[in-house]
Amino acid sequence: MLDHYQIELKELILIITDVAMVAADTTRTKYYLDQLIKNDLLPGYILLLLNSDKEILPGQKNSAFECGLVQLLEKMKIKYDIAPNSNINSPEVISLISNRVEQVFIFSGFGGALLRNNILSTGKKFLHVHGGYLPDYKGSTTNYYSLIDENTIGASSIFLTKEIDGGPVLIRRKFLAPKNRTEIDHIHDSEVRSKVLIETLNNYIKYGEWNFDLENNKGGETFYIIHPVLKHLAILGKG
């Protein structure tokens, strides 16, 4: 169990004070926060990456999503800052993260955002939940490929490294295909990722350290954004 310097109870919600979060204003972030709150389990600090452009970024349903996130954080009295821009690799964002006392950051960025060497060299660890079962399914939109291959979707928590989805795996899980496959991107993918995130954090609280299911995350196949025809076939498949 973590000692009293690392956790605090706040109105029956567990605040993990040595874990922070970098959160873009996406549907996945909203799902993560909803589930973290539902499970009475929250990071001590959140850095918000808000979309200041009119263009909808990957992972968003609309470009005005940030209002709900800010209101939610203020309602729950969660410490947060709004980053000066939405680029996780910008010098300004890297400086903010580097100056925080937390050593582990849950990463929930815009779709397709990759962490470059500068931010990976800050000495912080970035906890990411990949939407796929590792090491079998690395890369992008992998749950559509696993639906076609084996009628499952997956999620795996890792610490990010410069290799795409190649970091050590803390927890990896497979889930049965959802009955309604039309909302994979904004609902079901986020749902299974949040389950693995909650399990990962609960394990950290229980054991006081980050335990790994697979430290040597080698092999597997790296997939790229699925072709619309294949995506349609995956959605039409029977659950």
C-alpha atoms as a PDB file:
ATOM      1  CA  MET A   1       0.000   0.000   0.000  1.00  0.00           C
ATOM      2  CA  LEU A   2       1.305   3.484  -0.811  1.00  0.00           C
ATOM      3  CA  ASP A   3       2.300   5.576   2.170  1.00  0.00           C
ATOM      4  CA  HIS A   4       0.572   8.793   3.246  1.00  0.00           C
ATOM      5  CA  TYR A   5       2.963  10.968   1.261  1.00  0.00           C
ATOM      6  CA  GLN A   6       1.706   9.519  -1.997  1.00  0.00           C
ATOM      7  CA  ILE A   7      -2.055   9.363  -1.512  1.00  0.00           C
ATOM      8  CA  GLU A   8      -4.663  11.471   0.197  1.00  0.00           C
ATOM      9  CA  LEU A   9      -8.368  10.951   0.782  1.00  0.00           C
ATOM     10  CA  LYS A  10     -10.527  13.816  -0.366  1.00  0.00           C
ATOM     11  CA  GLU A  11     -14.240  13.408   0.260  1.00  0.00           C
ATOM     12  CA  LEU A  12     -13.891   9.620  -0.158  1.00  0.00           C
ATOM     13  CA  ILE A  13     -12.026  10.028  -3.472  1.00  0.00           C
ATOM     14  CA  LEU A  14      -8.488   8.681  -3.629  1.00  0.00           C
ATOM     15  CA  ILE A  15      -6.045  11.271  -4.980  1.00  0.00           C
ATOM     16  CA  ILE A  16      -2.801   9.715  -6.219  1.00  0.00           C
ATOM     17  CA  THR A  17      -0.597  12.713  -5.562  1.00  0.00           C
ATOM     18  CA  ASP A  18       2.481  11.385  -7.366  1.00  0.00           C
ATOM     19  CA  VAL A  19       0.557  10.710 -10.604  1.00  0.00           C
ATOM     20  CA  ALA A  20      -0.537  13.502 -12.970  1.00  0.00           C
ATOM     21  CA  MET A  21      -2.313  13.497 -16.319  1.00  0.00           C
ATOM     22  CA  VAL A  22      -1.822  15.151 -19.699  1.00  0.00           C
ATOM     23  CA  ALA A  23      -5.271  15.363 -21.226  1.00  0.00           C
ATOM     24  CA  ALA A  24      -6.414  16.591 -24.618  1.00  0.00           C
ATOM     25  CA  ASP A  25     -10.041  17.621 -24.998  1.00  0.00           C
ATOM     26  CA  THR A  26     -11.218  14.395 -26.625  1.00  0.00           C
ATOM     27  CA  THR A  27     -14.032  11.968 -26.030  1.00  0.00           C
ATOM     28  CA  ARG A  28     -11.494   9.480 -24.664  1.00  0.00           C
ATOM     29  CA  THR A  29     -10.277  11.944 -22.035  1.00  0.00           C
ATOM     30  CA  LYS A  30     -13.872  12.630 -20.993  1.00  0.00           C
ATOM     31  CA  TYR A  31     -14.487   8.884 -20.701  1.00  0.00           C
ATOM     32  CA  TYR A  32     -11.298   8.422 -18.679  1.00  0.00           C
ATOM     33  CA  LEU A  33     -12.256  11.184 -16.265  1.00  0.00           C
ATOM     34  CA  ASP A  34     -15.824   9.934 -15.902  1.00  0.00           C
ATOM     35  CA  GLN A  35     -14.558   6.467 -15.035  1.00  0.00           C
ATOM     36  CA  LEU A  36     -11.810   7.717 -12.712  1.00  0.00           C
ATOM     37  CA  ILE A  37     -14.396   9.752 -10.827  1.00  0.00           C
ATOM     38  CA  LYS A  38     -16.841   6.834 -10.794  1.00  0.00           C
ATOM     39  CA  ASN A  39     -14.127   4.631  -9.281  1.00  0.00           C
ATOM     40  CA  ASP A  40     -13.162   7.318  -6.725  1.00  0.00           C
ATOM     41  CA  LEU A  41      -9.665   7.435  -8.153  1.00  0.00           C
ATOM     42  CA  LEU A  42      -7.998  10.578  -9.500  1.00  0.00           C
ATOM     43  CA  PRO A  43      -4.578  11.950 -10.454  1.00  0.00           C
ATOM     44  CA  GLY A  44      -3.279  14.795  -8.328  1.00  0.00           C
ATOM     45  CA  TYR A  45      -2.953  17.232 -11.241  1.00  0.00           C
ATOM     46  CA  ILE A  46      -4.100  17.545 -14.856  1.00  0.00           C
ATOM     47  CA  LEU A  47      -2.566  19.535 -17.709  1.00  0.00           C
ATOM     48  CA  LEU A  48      -5.226  20.236 -20.336  1.00  0.00           C
ATOM     49  CA  LEU A  49      -4.379  20.461 -24.032  1.00  0.00           C
ATOM     50  CA  LEU A  50      -7.255  22.393 -25.540  1.00  0.00           C
ATOM     51  CA  ASN A  51      -7.987  22.756 -29.216  1.00  0.00           C
ATOM     52  CA  SER A  52      -7.824  26.475 -30.076  1.00  0.00           C
ATOM     53  CA  ASP A  53      -8.466  25.874 -33.783  1.00  0.00           C
ATOM     54  CA  LYS A  54     -11.816  25.586 -35.507  1.00  0.00           C
ATOM     55  CA  GLU A  55     -10.683  22.369 -37.161  1.00  0.00           C
ATOM     56  CA  ILE A  56     -11.743  19.212 -35.329  1.00  0.00           C
ATOM     57  CA  LEU A  57      -8.677  17.261 -34.194  1.00  0.00           C
ATOM     58  CA  PRO A  58      -8.409  13.438 -34.065  1.00  0.00           C
ATOM     59  CA  GLY A  59     -10.359  12.078 -31.118  1.00  0.00           C
ATOM     60  CA  GLN A  60     -12.872  14.932 -31.064  1.00  0.00           C
ATOM     61  CA  LYS A  61     -16.516  14.920 -32.094  1.00  0.00           C
ATOM     62  CA  ASN A  62     -16.595  18.705 -32.142  1.00  0.00           C
ATOM     63  CA  SER A  63     -14.174  21.560 -31.480  1.00  0.00           C
ATOM     64  CA  ALA A  64     -16.040  23.023 -28.490  1.00  0.00           C
ATOM     65  CA  PHE A  65     -15.484  20.018 -26.263  1.00  0.00           C
ATOM     66  CA  GLU A  66     -13.195  21.732 -23.775  1.00  0.00           C
ATOM     67  CA  CYS A  67     -16.018  23.537 -21.935  1.00  0.00           C
ATOM     68  CA  GLY A  68     -17.287  20.302 -20.458  1.00  0.00           C
ATOM     69  CA  LEU A  69     -13.817  19.224 -19.349  1.00  0.00           C
ATOM     70  CA  VAL A  70     -13.029  22.447 -17.523  1.00  0.00           C
ATOM     71  CA  GLN A  71     -16.406  22.442 -15.801  1.00  0.00           C
ATOM     72  CA  LEU A  72     -15.921  18.837 -14.728  1.00  0.00           C
ATOM     73  CA  LEU A  73     -12.483  19.501 -13.231  1.00  0.00           C
ATOM     74  CA  GLU A  74     -13.711  22.557 -11.384  1.00  0.00           C
ATOM     75  CA  LYS A  75     -16.750  20.698 -10.076  1.00  0.00           C
ATOM     76  CA  MET A  76     -14.514  17.927  -8.713  1.00  0.00           C
ATOM     77  CA  LYS A  77     -11.950  20.457  -7.436  1.00  0.00           C
ATOM     78  CA  ILE A  78      -9.138  18.776  -9.351  1.00  0.00           C
ATOM     79  CA  LYS A  79      -5.955  20.818  -9.734  1.00  0.00           C
ATOM     80  CA  TYR A  80      -5.342  21.684 -13.367  1.00  0.00           C
ATOM     81  CA  ASP A  81      -3.648  24.075 -15.755  1.00  0.00           C
ATOM     82  CA  ILE A  82      -4.488  24.865 -19.364  1.00  0.00           C
ATOM     83  CA  ALA A  83      -1.458  24.480 -21.608  1.00  0.00           C
ATOM     84  CA  PRO A  84      -0.522  27.445 -23.834  1.00  0.00           C
ATOM     85  CA  ASN A  85      -0.991  25.270 -26.921  1.00  0.00           C
ATOM     86  CA  SER A  86      -2.244  21.822 -27.919  1.00  0.00           C
ATOM     87  CA  ASN A  87       1.131  20.409 -29.039  1.00  0.00           C
ATOM     88  CA  ILE A  88       2.431  17.857 -26.528  1.00  0.00           C
ATOM     89  CA  ASN A  89       5.948  18.242 -27.977  1.00  0.00           C
ATOM     90  CA  SER A  90       6.108  22.047 -27.857  1.00  0.00           C
ATOM     91  CA  PRO A  91       8.809  23.638 -25.654  1.00  0.00           C
ATOM     92  CA  GLU A  92       6.123  25.382 -23.597  1.00  0.00           C
ATOM     93  CA  VAL A  93       4.270  22.158 -22.770  1.00  0.00           C
ATOM     94  CA  ILE A  94       7.503  20.287 -22.107  1.00  0.00           C
ATOM     95  CA  SER A  95       8.579  23.023 -19.679  1.00  0.00           C
ATOM     96  CA  LEU A  96       5.309  22.781 -17.756  1.00  0.00           C
ATOM     97  CA  ILE A  97       5.633  19.016 -17.450  1.00  0.00           C
ATOM     98  CA  SER A  98       9.319  19.139 -16.518  1.00  0.00           C
ATOM     99  CA  ASN A  99       8.621  21.537 -13.657  1.00  0.00           C
ATOM    100  CA  ARG A 100       5.957  19.365 -12.057  1.00  0.00           C
ATOM    101  CA  VAL A 101       6.864  17.225  -9.042  1.00  0.00           C
ATOM    102  CA  GLU A 102       4.881  14.208 -10.278  1.00  0.00           C
ATOM    103  CA  GLN A 103       6.997  11.522 -11.910  1.00  0.00           C
ATOM    104  CA  VAL A 104       4.264   9.661 -13.815  1.00  0.00           C
ATOM    105  CA  PHE A 105       1.808  11.264 -16.241  1.00  0.00           C
ATOM    106  CA  ILE A 106      -1.222   9.467 -17.616  1.00  0.00           C
ATOM    107  CA  PHE A 107      -1.189  10.362 -21.305  1.00  0.00           C
ATOM    108  CA  SER A 108      -4.475  10.961 -23.126  1.00  0.00           C
ATOM    109  CA  GLY A 109      -3.504  13.018 -26.147  1.00  0.00           C
ATOM    110  CA  PHE A 110      -5.107  13.788 -29.473  1.00  0.00           C
ATOM    111  CA  GLY A 111      -5.389  10.795 -31.782  1.00  0.00           C
ATOM    112  CA  GLY A 112      -2.123   9.955 -33.503  1.00  0.00           C
ATOM    113  CA  ALA A 113       0.003  12.241 -31.305  1.00  0.00           C
ATOM    114  CA  LEU A 114       3.454  10.775 -30.694  1.00  0.00           C
ATOM    115  CA  LEU A 115       5.837  11.795 -27.925  1.00  0.00           C
ATOM    116  CA  ARG A 116       9.197  12.882 -29.329  1.00  0.00           C
ATOM    117  CA  ASN A 117      12.664  12.584 -27.804  1.00  0.00           C
ATOM    118  CA  ASN A 118      12.600  15.969 -26.061  1.00  0.00           C
ATOM    119  CA  ILE A 119       9.624  15.152 -23.892  1.00  0.00           C
ATOM    120  CA  LEU A 120      10.668  11.529 -23.381  1.00  0.00           C
ATOM    121  CA  SER A 121      14.011  12.860 -22.094  1.00  0.00           C
ATOM    122  CA  THR A 122      12.449  14.886 -19.251  1.00  0.00           C
ATOM    123  CA  GLY A 123      12.823  11.986 -16.820  1.00  0.00           C
ATOM    124  CA  LYS A 124       9.040  11.632 -16.492  1.00  0.00           C
ATOM    125  CA  LYS A 125       7.192   8.410 -17.246  1.00  0.00           C
ATOM    126  CA  PHE A 126       4.150   8.554 -19.501  1.00  0.00           C
ATOM    127  CA  LEU A 127       1.480   5.951 -18.817  1.00  0.00           C
ATOM    128  CA  HIS A 128      -0.521   5.263 -21.960  1.00  0.00           C
ATOM    129  CA  VAL A 129      -3.304   2.776 -22.602  1.00  0.00           C
ATOM    130  CA  HIS A 130      -2.981   1.485 -26.150  1.00  0.00           C
ATOM    131  CA  GLY A 131      -6.136   0.395 -27.940  1.00  0.00           C
ATOM    132  CA  GLY A 132      -4.949  -3.096 -28.788  1.00  0.00           C
ATOM    133  CA  TYR A 133      -3.577  -6.290 -27.262  1.00  0.00           C
ATOM    134  CA  LEU A 134       0.236  -6.084 -27.160  1.00  0.00           C
ATOM    135  CA  PRO A 135       2.547  -7.114 -28.622  1.00  0.00           C
ATOM    136  CA  ASP A 136       0.240  -8.657 -31.243  1.00  0.00           C
ATOM    137  CA  TYR A 137      -1.435  -5.435 -32.348  1.00  0.00           C
ATOM    138  CA  LYS A 138       0.720  -2.301 -32.474  1.00  0.00           C
ATOM    139  CA  GLY A 139       0.088   0.934 -34.343  1.00  0.00           C
ATOM    140  CA  SER A 140      -3.160   2.604 -35.353  1.00  0.00           C
ATOM    141  CA  THR A 141      -6.834   1.480 -35.340  1.00  0.00           C
ATOM    142  CA  THR A 142      -5.708  -1.967 -34.216  1.00  0.00           C
ATOM    143  CA  ASN A 143      -9.000  -2.970 -32.638  1.00  0.00           C
ATOM    144  CA  TYR A 144     -10.602  -3.071 -36.076  1.00  0.00           C
ATOM    145  CA  TYR A 145      -7.931  -5.524 -37.185  1.00  0.00           C
ATOM    146  CA  SER A 146      -8.427  -7.722 -34.106  1.00  0.00           C
ATOM    147  CA  LEU A 147     -12.189  -7.679 -34.718  1.00  0.00           C
ATOM    148  CA  ILE A 148     -11.569  -9.080 -38.180  1.00  0.00           C
ATOM    149  CA  ASP A 149      -8.937 -11.573 -37.007  1.00  0.00           C
ATOM    150  CA  GLU A 150     -10.450 -12.938 -33.805  1.00  0.00           C
ATOM    151  CA  ASN A 151     -13.654 -11.059 -32.982  1.00  0.00           C
ATOM    152  CA  THR A 152     -12.103  -9.289 -29.970  1.00  0.00           C
ATOM    153  CA  ILE A 153     -10.869  -5.853 -29.016  1.00  0.00           C
ATOM    154  CA  GLY A 154      -8.011  -5.172 -26.629  1.00  0.00           C
ATOM    155  CA  ALA A 155      -6.247  -2.639 -24.443  1.00  0.00           C
ATOM    156  CA  SER A 156      -2.760  -2.571 -22.950  1.00  0.00           C
ATOM    157  CA  SER A 157      -1.208  -0.128 -20.477  1.00  0.00           C
ATOM    158  CA  ILE A 158       2.422   0.765 -21.192  1.00  0.00           C
ATOM    159  CA  PHE A 159       5.085   3.299 -20.358  1.00  0.00           C
ATOM    160  CA  LEU A 160       5.806   5.120 -23.602  1.00  0.00           C
ATOM    161  CA  THR A 161       9.180   4.873 -25.324  1.00  0.00           C
ATOM    162  CA  LYS A 162      10.443   6.122 -28.694  1.00  0.00           C
ATOM    163  CA  GLU A 163       9.338   2.817 -30.279  1.00  0.00           C
ATOM    164  CA  ILE A 164       5.681   2.920 -31.299  1.00  0.00           C
ATOM    165  CA  ASP A 165       3.729   0.870 -28.724  1.00  0.00           C
ATOM    166  CA  GLY A 166       7.003  -0.795 -27.762  1.00  0.00           C
ATOM    167  CA  GLY A 167       7.242   0.170 -24.089  1.00  0.00           C
ATOM    168  CA  PRO A 168       6.993  -2.309 -21.219  1.00  0.00           C
ATOM    169  CA  VAL A 169       3.442  -3.593 -20.711  1.00  0.00           C
ATOM    170  CA  LEU A 170       1.863  -3.304 -17.269  1.00  0.00           C
ATOM    171  CA  ILE A 171      -1.534  -4.867 -18.021  1.00  0.00           C
ATOM    172  CA  ARG A 172      -3.039  -6.235 -21.238  1.00  0.00           C
ATOM    173  CA  ARG A 173      -6.566  -7.507 -21.692  1.00  0.00           C
ATOM    174  CA  LYS A 174      -8.821  -8.889 -24.444  1.00  0.00           C
ATOM    175  CA  PHE A 175     -12.549  -8.167 -24.531  1.00  0.00           C
ATOM    176  CA  LEU A 176     -15.424  -9.675 -26.471  1.00  0.00           C
ATOM    177  CA  ALA A 177     -16.587  -7.688 -29.468  1.00  0.00           C
ATOM    178  CA  PRO A 178     -19.348  -5.189 -28.610  1.00  0.00           C
ATOM    179  CA  LYS A 179     -22.811  -5.888 -29.987  1.00  0.00           C
ATOM    180  CA  ASN A 180     -22.987  -2.434 -31.563  1.00  0.00           C
ATOM    181  CA  ARG A 181     -19.765  -1.870 -33.510  1.00  0.00           C
ATOM    182  CA  THR A 182     -20.694   1.529 -34.945  1.00  0.00           C
ATOM    183  CA  GLU A 183     -19.331   3.369 -31.891  1.00  0.00           C
ATOM    184  CA  ILE A 184     -15.939   1.678 -31.567  1.00  0.00           C
ATOM    185  CA  ASP A 185     -13.937   4.909 -31.849  1.00  0.00           C
ATOM    186  CA  HIS A 186     -15.702   7.119 -29.319  1.00  0.00           C
ATOM    187  CA  ILE A 187     -17.264   4.603 -26.916  1.00  0.00           C
ATOM    188  CA  HIS A 188     -16.092   0.995 -26.902  1.00  0.00           C
ATOM    189  CA  ASP A 189     -12.388   1.651 -27.481  1.00  0.00           C
ATOM    190  CA  SER A 190     -12.419   4.241 -24.683  1.00  0.00           C
ATOM    191  CA  GLU A 191     -14.400   1.884 -22.455  1.00  0.00           C
ATOM    192  CA  VAL A 192     -11.886  -0.966 -22.594  1.00  0.00           C
ATOM    193  CA  ARG A 193      -8.940   1.411 -22.292  1.00  0.00           C
ATOM    194  CA  SER A 194     -10.444   2.961 -19.169  1.00  0.00           C
ATOM    195  CA  LYS A 195     -10.959  -0.478 -17.612  1.00  0.00           C
ATOM    196  CA  VAL A 196      -7.276  -1.250 -18.080  1.00  0.00           C
ATOM    197  CA  LEU A 197      -6.290   2.194 -16.787  1.00  0.00           C
ATOM    198  CA  ILE A 198      -8.342   1.715 -13.607  1.00  0.00           C
ATOM    199  CA  GLU A 199      -6.872  -1.751 -13.071  1.00  0.00           C
ATOM    200  CA  THR A 200      -3.350  -0.422 -13.595  1.00  0.00           C
ATOM    201  CA  LEU A 201      -3.787   2.391 -11.070  1.00  0.00           C
ATOM    202  CA  ASN A 202      -5.425   0.103  -8.527  1.00  0.00           C
ATOM    203  CA  ASN A 203      -2.477  -2.289  -8.822  1.00  0.00           C
ATOM    204  CA  TYR A 204      -0.080   0.584  -8.197  1.00  0.00           C
ATOM    205  CA  ILE A 205      -2.008   1.588  -5.095  1.00  0.00           C
ATOM    206  CA  LYS A 206      -2.171  -1.987  -3.858  1.00  0.00           C
ATOM    207  CA  TYR A 207       1.495  -2.906  -4.348  1.00  0.00           C
ATOM    208  CA  GLY A 208       3.166   0.521  -4.122  1.00  0.00           C
ATOM    209  CA  GLU A 209       5.063  -0.029  -7.367  1.00  0.00           C
ATOM    210  CA  TRP A 210       4.497  -0.457 -11.082  1.00  0.00           C
ATOM    211  CA  ASN A 211       4.421  -4.165 -11.891  1.00  0.00           C
ATOM    212  CA  PHE A 212       4.802  -5.434 -15.435  1.00  0.00           C
ATOM    213  CA  ASP A 213       3.049  -8.215 -17.281  1.00  0.00           C
ATOM    214  CA  LEU A 214       5.475  -8.024 -20.205  1.00  0.00           C
ATOM    215  CA  GLU A 215       8.723  -6.062 -19.938  1.00  0.00           C
ATOM    216  CA  ASN A 216      10.090  -7.309 -23.260  1.00  0.00           C
ATOM    217  CA  ASN A 217       7.391  -5.965 -25.557  1.00  0.00           C
ATOM    218  CA  LYS A 218       9.004  -7.096 -28.791  1.00  0.00           C
ATOM    219  CA  GLY A 219       7.565  -8.605 -31.937  1.00  0.00           C
ATOM    220  CA  GLY A 220       3.983  -8.427 -33.019  1.00  0.00           C
ATOM    221  CA  GLU A 221       2.761  -6.518 -36.050  1.00  0.00           C
ATOM    222  CA  THR A 222       2.499  -2.756 -36.563  1.00  0.00           C
ATOM    223  CA  PHE A 223      -0.720  -1.697 -38.268  1.00  0.00           C
ATOM    224  CA  TYR A 224      -1.626   1.548 -40.025  1.00  0.00           C
ATOM    225  CA  ILE A 225      -4.916   3.428 -40.250  1.00  0.00           C
ATOM    226  CA  ILE A 226      -7.379   0.874 -41.539  1.00  0.00           C
ATOM    227  CA  HIS A 227      -8.797   1.203 -45.028  1.00  0.00           C
ATOM    228  CA  PRO A 228     -12.447   2.341 -45.005  1.00  0.00           C
ATOM    229  CA  VAL A 229     -13.578  -0.877 -46.719  1.00  0.00           C
ATOM    230  CA  LEU A 230     -11.865  -3.071 -44.107  1.00  0.00           C
ATOM    231  CA  LYS A 231     -13.248  -0.859 -41.345  1.00  0.00           C
ATOM    232  CA  HIS A 232     -16.738  -1.310 -42.752  1.00  0.00           C
ATOM    233  CA  LEU A 233     -16.264  -5.088 -42.826  1.00  0.00           C
ATOM    234  CA  ALA A 234     -15.100  -5.045 -39.190  1.00  0.00           C
ATOM    235  CA  ILE A 235     -18.190  -3.068 -38.194  1.00  0.00           C
ATOM    236  CA  LEU A 236     -20.507  -5.414 -40.099  1.00  0.00           C
ATOM    237  CA  GLY A 237     -19.033  -8.495 -38.414  1.00  0.00           C
ATOM    238  CA  LYS A 238     -21.197 -10.362 -35.921  1.00  0.00           C
ATOM    239  CA  GLY A 239     -20.516  -9.754 -32.211  1.00  0.00           C
END
